[in-house]
Amino acid sequence: MTDAKPEFRGLPSVDALATTLHAPGLSHAQIVDIARSAVDLARVQIGQGKDGDPVAIAEALMVSSMQRTLRRVINATGVLLHTNLGRGPLSTAATQAAANAASHYSNTEFDLSAGERGSRGAHTRDLLKLLTGAEDALVVNNNSAAVLLALAALAGNLSVPVSRGELVEIGGSYRLPDVMRASGASLVEVGTTNKTKLGDFATALQVYNCAMVLKVHQANFEIRGFTASVGVGELAPLCTAREVPLVYDVGSGLLDSHTPWLPSLPPWLGEEPGVRQAIEAGANLVMFSGDKLLGGPQAGIIVGDADLVARLRDHPIRRALRVDTSTDAALAATLDSYARGTVSADIPFWMMATMSAEVLDERSSDLAAQVGASVEPGFSMVGAGSAPGARIESPVLRMVGKQDLFKLLLENIVPVVARRDRGDLLIDLRAVDPSDDAHVKSAIQACL
């Protein structure tokens, strides 16, 4: 019988194809797996009457695999805390502290003065107490975990009133009502989407068996117009009178709304709540992120009354949510910059956010002259749900009709992520380290 598909005979074996493939960064096992997939795909294409080239297919698969590998990119989007790009970079001190903790033994849970087992994260806790004025502090792996832990430990199967205007969804995967259900707490919606009053909370506390009141900062969105909300200063006396704790998720991690580490208060911060001010206004627990405005590693930080923090620390799920030693070390180094007053010189986010227009204009003009772009007034954004709607005035480079460069720049050894705008390519240097300007230039020139 004649083979119906004699062209299959020309396909190489998986091992033979694998020996011809070269991809720095991919292991031999990965290359063999790619070769196997390429031969299979070539067989399917040939069966469909197409020209199935296993070598070309394998090369495309290798490029795709290497692009999925976690690697460094240059953020020229103008979004400083870009969630898709890992949010913001750590300070040099935080990076070194994390590396030291990961590459050596450390006193993670060992008291060097007593010569016996100690408390995990004691130094970080001391810094958080110092910087926020809280009685105690606890660190978990992200702010969603902080909210979950607080609800599980304090609310159980009891009710928790929350303003309808604060039932946030972040990033498409975090929805506050879902987290509340997972914790076992029962959500009580109070007020309306645009207006919530103190009396709405008072009624809920009277009608339902409430374990706490939860206030949530509106991240990622704004409500304007005919609006009203209840501040911590109003809620705190009510919660005290009803003997329930006031728990406040401020989200972004602005330690102090007065930004004492800067010469003046940046106008783009708007109404972003400060952790210290929330504690001073009477919040019993305050939760926030470590990797947003704080400028540290991914973490969820809880500060507040010592008895409440102790209940969270003793809850069974707390261990499942704790951070590793490297994260704790990086967070402590970040907080140390605040304690020393060196934030504006240490932490990349604040260095980028406060970079002067003169410096950016000079950098942008130099690059534009070398790549055939124009410079125009534009804006950068904070990102990651912090200071929603706020814009930081910033010059941008516009390359007219060069939107196709967007994908080409992603294929560089160090990919450059830019912005597209109505067929043009936009380059914003605010989140680009000045030492990378030359790489951005060479990457664009290579694509052109």
Protein backbone atom coordinates (compact mmCIF):
# COMPACT_ATOMS: atom_id res chain seq x y z
CA MET A 1 0.00 0.00 0.00
CA THR A 2 1.36 3.46 -0.89
CA ASP A 3 1.82 5.95 1.94
CA ALA A 4 -0.95 8.54 1.58
CA LYS A 5 1.33 11.24 3.01
CA PRO A 6 4.87 10.60 1.76
CA GLU A 7 5.85 14.18 2.70
CA PHE A 8 5.71 13.12 6.37
CA ARG A 9 8.88 11.13 5.71
CA GLY A 10 10.83 14.34 5.33
CA LEU A 11 10.09 15.50 8.86
CA PRO A 12 13.10 15.32 11.18
CA SER A 13 13.04 13.34 14.40
CA VAL A 14 12.51 15.30 17.58
CA ASP A 15 16.12 14.71 18.69
CA ALA A 16 17.54 15.68 15.29
CA LEU A 17 15.55 18.92 15.24
CA ALA A 18 16.51 19.73 18.83
CA THR A 19 20.24 19.51 18.04
CA THR A 20 19.86 22.27 15.42
CA LEU A 21 18.10 24.70 17.76
CA HIS A 22 19.98 27.28 19.82
CA ALA A 23 18.30 29.51 22.36
CA PRO A 24 20.34 31.05 25.20
CA GLY A 25 18.25 31.00 28.33
CA LEU A 26 16.32 27.84 27.47
CA SER A 27 17.27 24.49 28.95
CA HIS A 28 17.84 21.34 26.88
CA ALA A 29 14.57 19.91 28.19
CA GLN A 30 12.68 23.02 27.04
CA ILE A 31 14.30 22.88 23.59
CA VAL A 32 13.38 19.19 23.19
CA ASP A 33 9.80 19.99 24.20
CA ILE A 34 9.70 22.81 21.64
CA ALA A 35 11.11 20.48 18.95
CA ARG A 36 8.41 17.90 19.74
CA SER A 37 5.68 20.53 19.48
CA ALA A 38 7.16 21.86 16.22
CA VAL A 39 7.19 18.41 14.58
CA ASP A 40 3.60 17.80 15.70
CA LEU A 41 2.45 21.17 14.36
CA ALA A 42 4.31 20.63 11.09
CA ARG A 43 2.54 17.27 10.68
CA VAL A 44 -0.85 18.94 11.23
CA GLN A 45 -0.07 21.69 8.71
CA ILE A 46 1.12 19.21 6.10
CA GLY A 47 -2.05 17.20 6.63
CA GLN A 48 -3.98 20.40 5.86
CA GLY A 49 -2.09 20.83 2.60
CA LYS A 50 0.15 23.60 3.94
CA ASP A 51 3.93 23.91 3.86
CA GLY A 52 4.75 22.78 7.39
CA ASP A 53 8.35 23.84 8.13
CA PRO A 54 9.36 22.37 11.52
CA VAL A 55 12.45 24.58 11.80
CA ALA A 56 10.49 27.82 11.26
CA ILE A 57 7.80 26.64 13.66
CA ALA A 58 10.40 25.74 16.31
CA GLU A 59 12.12 29.13 15.99
CA ALA A 60 8.78 30.93 16.47
CA LEU A 61 8.02 28.77 19.50
CA MET A 62 11.44 29.55 21.01
CA VAL A 63 10.90 33.29 20.62
CA SER A 64 7.48 32.99 22.26
CA SER A 65 8.93 30.91 25.12
CA MET A 66 11.74 33.37 25.79
CA GLN A 67 9.29 36.29 25.78
CA ARG A 68 7.25 34.55 28.50
CA THR A 69 10.34 34.12 30.67
CA LEU A 70 10.46 36.70 33.46
CA ARG A 71 12.97 39.31 32.31
CA ARG A 72 13.88 42.94 32.62
CA VAL A 73 12.03 45.50 30.50
CA ILE A 74 12.30 49.28 30.13
CA ASN A 75 9.09 51.10 31.06
CA ALA A 76 8.59 53.99 28.63
CA THR A 77 4.81 54.08 29.07
CA GLY A 78 4.71 56.91 31.58
CA VAL A 79 2.81 54.74 34.08
CA LEU A 80 5.09 54.74 37.12
CA LEU A 81 3.47 51.88 39.02
CA HIS A 82 2.69 49.62 36.08
CA THR A 83 1.02 46.48 37.43
CA ASN A 84 1.72 44.52 34.23
CA LEU A 85 5.41 45.41 34.49
CA GLY A 86 5.87 44.52 38.18
CA ARG A 87 4.80 47.95 39.50
CA GLY A 88 7.85 49.97 40.66
CA PRO A 89 11.49 48.98 41.11
CA LEU A 90 12.96 48.62 44.58
CA SER A 91 15.60 50.91 46.02
CA THR A 92 19.23 49.82 45.89
CA ALA A 93 19.21 49.26 49.64
CA ALA A 94 16.05 47.13 49.48
CA THR A 95 17.43 45.07 46.60
CA GLN A 96 20.69 44.43 48.44
CA ALA A 97 18.87 43.57 51.66
CA ALA A 98 16.67 41.03 49.84
CA ALA A 99 19.70 39.48 48.13
CA ASN A 100 21.61 39.23 51.41
CA ALA A 101 18.67 37.59 53.13
CA ALA A 102 18.25 35.10 50.28
CA SER A 103 21.93 34.17 49.97
CA HIS A 104 22.83 33.79 53.65
CA TYR A 105 21.41 32.50 56.90
CA SER A 106 19.78 35.26 58.94
CA ASN A 107 18.18 35.90 62.30
CA THR A 108 14.70 35.51 60.78
CA GLU A 109 13.22 34.11 63.98
CA PHE A 110 16.22 34.19 66.28
CA ASP A 111 16.87 36.68 69.06
CA LEU A 112 20.62 37.35 68.96
CA SER A 113 20.64 39.13 72.32
CA ALA A 114 18.84 36.31 74.14
CA GLY A 115 20.30 33.44 72.13
CA GLU A 116 16.90 31.85 71.59
CA ARG A 117 13.92 31.85 69.25
CA GLY A 118 12.64 35.34 68.52
CA SER A 119 9.78 37.07 66.73
CA ARG A 120 9.67 37.10 62.92
CA GLY A 121 9.79 40.60 61.43
CA ALA A 122 10.49 42.35 64.73
CA HIS A 123 12.64 45.10 63.15
CA THR A 124 10.07 45.78 60.43
CA ARG A 125 7.34 45.96 63.06
CA ASP A 126 9.33 48.48 65.10
CA LEU A 127 9.82 50.70 62.05
CA LEU A 128 6.13 50.58 61.15
CA LYS A 129 5.14 51.55 64.69
CA LEU A 130 7.61 54.44 64.63
CA LEU A 131 6.50 55.76 61.25
CA THR A 132 2.72 55.43 61.65
CA GLY A 133 2.21 56.01 65.37
CA ALA A 134 0.38 52.68 65.66
CA GLU A 135 0.63 50.36 68.65
CA ASP A 136 1.51 47.27 66.63
CA ALA A 137 1.99 46.04 63.08
CA LEU A 138 1.78 42.87 61.01
CA VAL A 139 2.95 42.08 57.46
CA VAL A 140 1.32 39.60 55.06
CA ASN A 141 1.89 38.86 51.38
CA ASN A 142 -0.38 41.52 49.85
CA ASN A 143 -3.13 43.95 50.76
CA SER A 144 -5.89 41.60 49.62
CA ALA A 145 -4.56 39.10 52.16
CA ALA A 146 -4.55 41.84 54.81
CA VAL A 147 -8.26 42.53 54.21
CA LEU A 148 -9.07 38.81 54.18
CA LEU A 149 -7.19 38.21 57.43
CA ALA A 150 -8.83 41.15 59.21
CA LEU A 151 -12.31 39.99 58.17
CA ALA A 152 -11.67 36.35 59.07
CA ALA A 153 -10.11 37.13 62.45
CA LEU A 154 -12.47 39.88 63.59
CA ALA A 155 -15.77 39.30 61.81
CA GLY A 156 -16.17 35.52 61.52
CA ASN A 157 -19.80 34.92 60.50
CA LEU A 158 -20.98 38.33 61.70
CA SER A 159 -22.03 41.39 59.69
CA VAL A 160 -19.77 44.14 58.35
CA PRO A 161 -21.25 47.39 57.00
CA VAL A 162 -19.52 48.95 53.98
CA SER A 163 -20.53 51.97 51.93
CA ARG A 164 -21.93 51.03 48.50
CA GLY A 165 -19.59 53.58 46.97
CA GLU A 166 -16.59 51.67 48.38
CA LEU A 167 -17.34 48.14 47.14
CA VAL A 168 -14.30 48.17 44.91
CA GLU A 169 -13.06 45.85 42.20
CA ILE A 170 -9.36 46.05 41.40
CA GLY A 171 -7.60 44.53 38.41
CA GLY A 172 -10.54 42.34 37.44
CA SER A 173 -9.68 39.67 40.02
CA TYR A 174 -10.15 41.39 43.40
CA ARG A 175 -13.74 42.15 44.31
CA LEU A 176 -14.43 43.17 47.89
CA PRO A 177 -17.79 41.35 48.17
CA ASP A 178 -16.12 38.11 47.04
CA VAL A 179 -13.35 38.49 49.61
CA MET A 180 -15.91 39.11 52.32
CA ARG A 181 -17.79 35.94 51.40
CA ALA A 182 -14.54 33.96 51.43
CA SER A 183 -13.78 35.25 54.94
CA GLY A 184 -17.16 34.16 56.28
CA ALA A 185 -18.29 37.71 57.04
CA SER A 186 -21.68 38.99 55.89
CA LEU A 187 -21.68 42.18 53.83
CA VAL A 188 -24.13 44.90 54.78
CA GLU A 189 -24.31 47.58 52.08
CA VAL A 190 -25.07 51.04 53.42
CA GLY A 191 -25.89 54.29 51.67
CA THR A 192 -26.04 54.65 47.91
CA THR A 193 -23.40 54.55 45.19
CA ASN A 194 -22.81 58.30 45.31
CA LYS A 195 -23.93 59.31 48.82
CA THR A 196 -23.37 57.63 52.17
CA LYS A 197 -24.05 59.36 55.48
CA LEU A 198 -23.12 58.67 59.09
CA GLY A 199 -26.72 57.77 59.86
CA ASP A 200 -26.53 54.90 57.35
CA PHE A 201 -23.78 53.29 59.42
CA ALA A 202 -25.58 54.02 62.69
CA THR A 203 -28.69 52.25 61.39
CA ALA A 204 -26.70 49.22 60.23
CA LEU A 205 -24.98 48.93 63.61
CA GLN A 206 -28.35 49.05 65.34
CA VAL A 207 -30.14 46.56 63.07
CA TYR A 208 -27.43 43.98 62.43
CA ASN A 209 -25.04 42.06 64.67
CA CYS A 210 -21.92 43.81 63.40
CA ALA A 211 -18.34 42.83 64.19
CA MET A 212 -16.69 45.92 62.69
CA VAL A 213 -17.11 48.80 60.28
CA LEU A 214 -15.01 48.61 57.11
CA LYS A 215 -14.01 51.73 55.20
CA VAL A 216 -12.29 51.32 51.82
CA HIS A 217 -10.41 53.93 49.83
CA GLN A 218 -11.77 54.25 46.30
CA ALA A 219 -8.88 52.90 44.25
CA ASN A 220 -8.91 52.92 40.43
CA PHE A 221 -11.96 55.19 40.17
CA GLU A 222 -13.53 58.47 41.23
CA ILE A 223 -17.13 59.45 41.95
CA ARG A 224 -17.84 63.10 41.15
CA GLY A 225 -20.83 65.41 41.30
CA PHE A 226 -23.60 64.99 43.86
CA THR A 227 -21.60 62.93 46.35
CA ALA A 228 -21.10 62.43 50.07
CA SER A 229 -18.96 60.04 52.08
CA VAL A 230 -18.17 59.49 55.75
CA GLY A 231 -14.62 60.14 56.92
CA VAL A 232 -12.66 58.29 59.58
CA GLY A 233 -13.03 61.23 61.96
CA GLU A 234 -16.83 60.88 61.84
CA LEU A 235 -16.92 57.09 61.95
CA ALA A 236 -14.47 56.65 64.84
CA PRO A 237 -16.71 58.11 67.62
CA LEU A 238 -19.67 56.06 66.36
CA CYS A 239 -17.62 52.85 66.36
CA THR A 240 -16.27 53.61 69.83
CA ALA A 241 -19.76 54.19 71.16
CA ARG A 242 -21.02 50.93 69.65
CA GLU A 243 -17.86 49.08 70.76
CA VAL A 244 -16.88 47.82 67.31
CA PRO A 245 -13.49 48.42 65.64
CA LEU A 246 -13.13 50.74 62.66
CA VAL A 247 -11.01 49.07 59.98
CA TYR A 248 -9.71 51.20 57.09
CA ASP A 249 -8.23 49.86 53.87
CA VAL A 250 -6.30 52.86 52.52
CA GLY A 251 -4.82 50.79 49.72
CA SER A 252 -1.90 52.69 48.25
CA GLY A 253 0.40 53.04 51.23
CA LEU A 254 1.03 56.76 51.53
CA LEU A 255 2.63 56.76 54.99
CA ASP A 256 1.98 60.43 55.69
CA SER A 257 -0.31 62.68 53.65
CA HIS A 258 1.99 65.63 54.43
CA THR A 259 4.89 63.88 52.59
CA PRO A 260 7.56 65.20 55.00
CA TRP A 261 10.23 63.49 52.87
CA LEU A 262 9.57 66.01 50.06
CA PRO A 263 10.08 69.82 49.99
CA SER A 264 6.38 70.33 49.24
CA LEU A 265 3.18 68.35 48.81
CA PRO A 266 2.80 67.14 45.18
CA PRO A 267 -0.52 68.39 43.73
CA TRP A 268 -1.16 65.08 41.95
CA LEU A 269 -1.57 63.27 45.29
CA GLY A 270 -5.00 64.85 45.61
CA GLU A 271 -7.13 63.23 48.32
CA GLU A 272 -4.90 60.17 48.79
CA PRO A 273 -5.24 59.16 52.47
CA GLY A 274 -2.19 58.96 54.73
CA VAL A 275 -1.68 56.00 57.06
CA ARG A 276 -0.50 58.14 59.98
CA GLN A 277 -3.48 60.48 59.60
CA ALA A 278 -5.90 57.53 59.54
CA ILE A 279 -4.49 56.25 62.83
CA GLU A 280 -4.60 59.73 64.35
CA ALA A 281 -8.24 60.15 63.23
CA GLY A 282 -9.26 57.06 65.17
CA ALA A 283 -9.05 54.06 62.85
CA ASN A 284 -8.37 50.93 64.90
CA LEU A 285 -6.73 49.03 62.05
CA VAL A 286 -5.30 50.38 58.80
CA MET A 287 -4.26 48.17 55.87
CA PHE A 288 -2.14 49.18 52.89
CA SER A 289 0.17 47.90 50.15
CA GLY A 290 3.94 47.78 50.36
CA ASP A 291 4.57 48.03 46.61
CA LYS A 292 2.62 51.13 45.63
CA LEU A 293 3.24 54.61 47.05
CA LEU A 294 5.35 53.15 49.83
CA GLY A 295 7.86 52.06 47.18
CA GLY A 296 8.75 48.68 48.66
CA PRO A 297 8.16 45.01 47.80
CA GLN A 298 4.77 43.36 47.35
CA ALA A 299 3.27 43.08 50.82
CA GLY A 300 0.13 43.80 52.78
CA ILE A 301 0.74 45.86 55.91
CA ILE A 302 -1.61 46.07 58.89
CA VAL A 303 -1.08 48.65 61.65
CA GLY A 304 -3.24 49.64 64.59
CA ASP A 305 -4.41 48.67 68.07
CA ALA A 306 -2.21 46.06 69.73
CA ASP A 307 -5.08 43.83 70.86
CA LEU A 308 -6.59 43.67 67.37
CA VAL A 309 -3.25 43.03 65.66
CA ALA A 310 -2.64 40.23 68.19
CA ARG A 311 -5.93 38.60 67.18
CA LEU A 312 -4.87 38.71 63.54
CA ARG A 313 -1.43 37.35 64.37
CA ASP A 314 -2.95 34.42 66.26
CA HIS A 315 -5.47 33.50 63.55
CA PRO A 316 -4.84 30.13 61.83
CA ILE A 317 -4.66 31.53 58.29
CA ARG A 318 -2.04 34.16 59.18
CA ARG A 319 0.80 31.67 58.67
CA ALA A 320 -0.44 30.91 55.15
CA LEU A 321 -0.25 34.62 54.32
CA ARG A 322 3.11 35.60 55.80
CA VAL A 323 6.00 36.96 53.73
CA ASP A 324 9.39 35.33 53.25
CA THR A 325 12.67 36.60 54.69
CA SER A 326 13.76 38.42 51.53
CA THR A 327 10.51 40.38 51.36
CA ASP A 328 10.75 41.30 55.03
CA ALA A 329 14.34 42.48 54.53
CA ALA A 330 13.41 44.59 51.48
CA LEU A 331 10.45 46.13 53.31
CA ALA A 332 12.61 46.97 56.34
CA ALA A 333 15.20 48.66 54.11
CA THR A 334 12.43 50.68 52.44
CA LEU A 335 11.00 51.78 55.77
CA ASP A 336 14.48 52.65 56.97
CA SER A 337 14.70 55.25 54.17
CA TYR A 338 11.58 56.91 55.60
CA ALA A 339 13.00 56.81 59.13
CA ARG A 340 16.25 58.39 57.92
CA GLY A 341 14.48 60.98 55.77
CA THR A 342 16.26 59.87 52.58
CA VAL A 343 13.18 58.78 50.59
CA SER A 344 13.57 61.27 47.74
CA ALA A 345 17.13 60.08 47.11
CA ASP A 346 16.55 56.36 47.74
CA ILE A 347 13.18 55.13 46.54
CA PRO A 348 12.77 54.96 42.73
CA PHE A 349 9.05 55.75 42.69
CA TRP A 350 9.49 59.08 44.47
CA MET A 351 12.60 59.88 42.42
CA MET A 352 10.62 59.33 39.20
CA ALA A 353 7.46 61.07 40.37
CA THR A 354 9.30 64.23 41.44
CA MET A 355 11.81 64.45 38.59
CA SER A 356 11.93 68.06 37.42
CA ALA A 357 10.43 69.17 34.13
CA GLU A 358 13.77 70.71 33.15
CA VAL A 359 15.61 67.40 33.46
CA LEU A 360 12.91 65.53 31.54
CA ASP A 361 12.79 68.19 28.81
CA GLU A 362 16.53 67.93 28.31
CA ARG A 363 16.51 64.12 28.20
CA SER A 364 13.51 64.03 25.86
CA SER A 365 14.96 66.64 23.48
CA ASP A 366 18.27 64.78 23.26
CA LEU A 367 16.54 61.50 22.42
CA ALA A 368 14.09 63.10 19.98
CA ALA A 369 16.91 64.66 17.98
CA GLN A 370 18.51 61.24 17.51
CA VAL A 371 15.44 59.20 16.57
CA GLY A 372 13.44 61.68 14.51
CA ALA A 373 10.72 62.41 17.03
CA SER A 374 9.05 65.56 18.31
CA VAL A 375 8.59 66.56 21.95
CA GLU A 376 5.23 67.78 23.19
CA PRO A 377 3.54 68.41 26.54
CA GLY A 378 2.02 65.27 28.00
CA PHE A 379 1.43 63.53 31.27
CA SER A 380 2.50 60.51 33.27
CA MET A 381 0.24 58.54 35.59
CA VAL A 382 0.87 57.05 39.03
CA GLY A 383 -0.83 53.74 38.23
CA ALA A 384 -1.75 50.63 40.26
CA GLY A 385 -4.91 52.28 41.56
CA SER A 386 -2.98 54.98 43.41
CA ALA A 387 -4.18 58.58 43.17
CA PRO A 388 -6.89 57.65 40.62
CA GLY A 389 -7.33 60.20 37.87
CA ALA A 390 -4.19 62.12 38.86
CA ARG A 391 -1.78 63.20 36.14
CA ILE A 392 1.82 64.32 36.44
CA GLU A 393 2.75 66.82 33.74
CA SER A 394 5.55 65.35 31.67
CA PRO A 395 7.02 65.80 28.19
CA VAL A 396 6.53 62.91 25.74
CA LEU A 397 8.19 61.98 22.47
CA ARG A 398 5.82 61.47 19.54
CA MET A 399 6.88 59.42 16.52
CA VAL A 400 4.22 60.14 13.92
CA GLY A 401 2.92 57.11 12.06
CA LYS A 402 5.33 54.77 13.85
CA GLN A 403 2.86 52.71 15.88
CA ASP A 404 4.26 49.56 14.25
CA LEU A 405 7.45 50.10 16.27
CA PHE A 406 5.53 49.14 19.42
CA LYS A 407 5.78 45.40 18.75
CA LEU A 408 9.27 45.62 17.29
CA LEU A 409 10.58 47.27 20.46
CA LEU A 410 9.24 44.33 22.47
CA GLU A 411 11.58 42.01 20.54
CA ASN A 412 14.75 43.71 21.76
CA ILE A 413 17.14 41.89 24.10
CA VAL A 414 15.90 44.30 26.76
CA PRO A 415 12.34 45.03 25.57
CA VAL A 416 11.15 48.64 25.55
CA VAL A 417 7.45 49.09 26.37
CA ALA A 418 6.04 52.32 24.93
CA ARG A 419 2.54 53.74 24.28
CA ARG A 420 0.40 53.84 21.15
CA ASP A 421 -1.77 56.81 20.29
CA ARG A 422 -3.86 57.09 17.11
CA GLY A 423 -1.26 55.47 14.90
CA ASP A 424 1.71 57.19 16.58
CA LEU A 425 4.27 55.89 19.04
CA LEU A 426 4.72 57.76 22.34
CA ILE A 427 7.83 57.53 24.53
CA ASP A 428 7.69 58.87 28.10
CA LEU A 429 11.04 58.92 29.93
CA ARG A 430 9.75 59.64 33.45
CA ALA A 431 9.85 55.95 34.45
CA VAL A 432 13.04 55.26 32.46
CA ASP A 433 16.29 55.30 34.39
CA PRO A 434 18.56 57.96 32.82
CA SER A 435 21.21 55.27 32.32
CA ASP A 436 18.78 53.50 29.96
CA ASP A 437 18.26 56.47 27.61
CA ALA A 438 21.04 55.20 25.34
CA HIS A 439 19.43 51.77 25.15
CA VAL A 440 16.06 53.27 24.23
CA LYS A 441 17.78 55.24 21.48
CA SER A 442 19.63 52.22 20.07
CA ALA A 443 16.50 50.04 20.27
CA ILE A 444 14.45 52.58 18.29
CA GLN A 445 17.22 53.10 15.74
CA ALA A 446 17.58 49.33 15.26
CA CYS A 447 13.84 49.03 14.62
CA LEU A 448 13.88 51.92 12.17
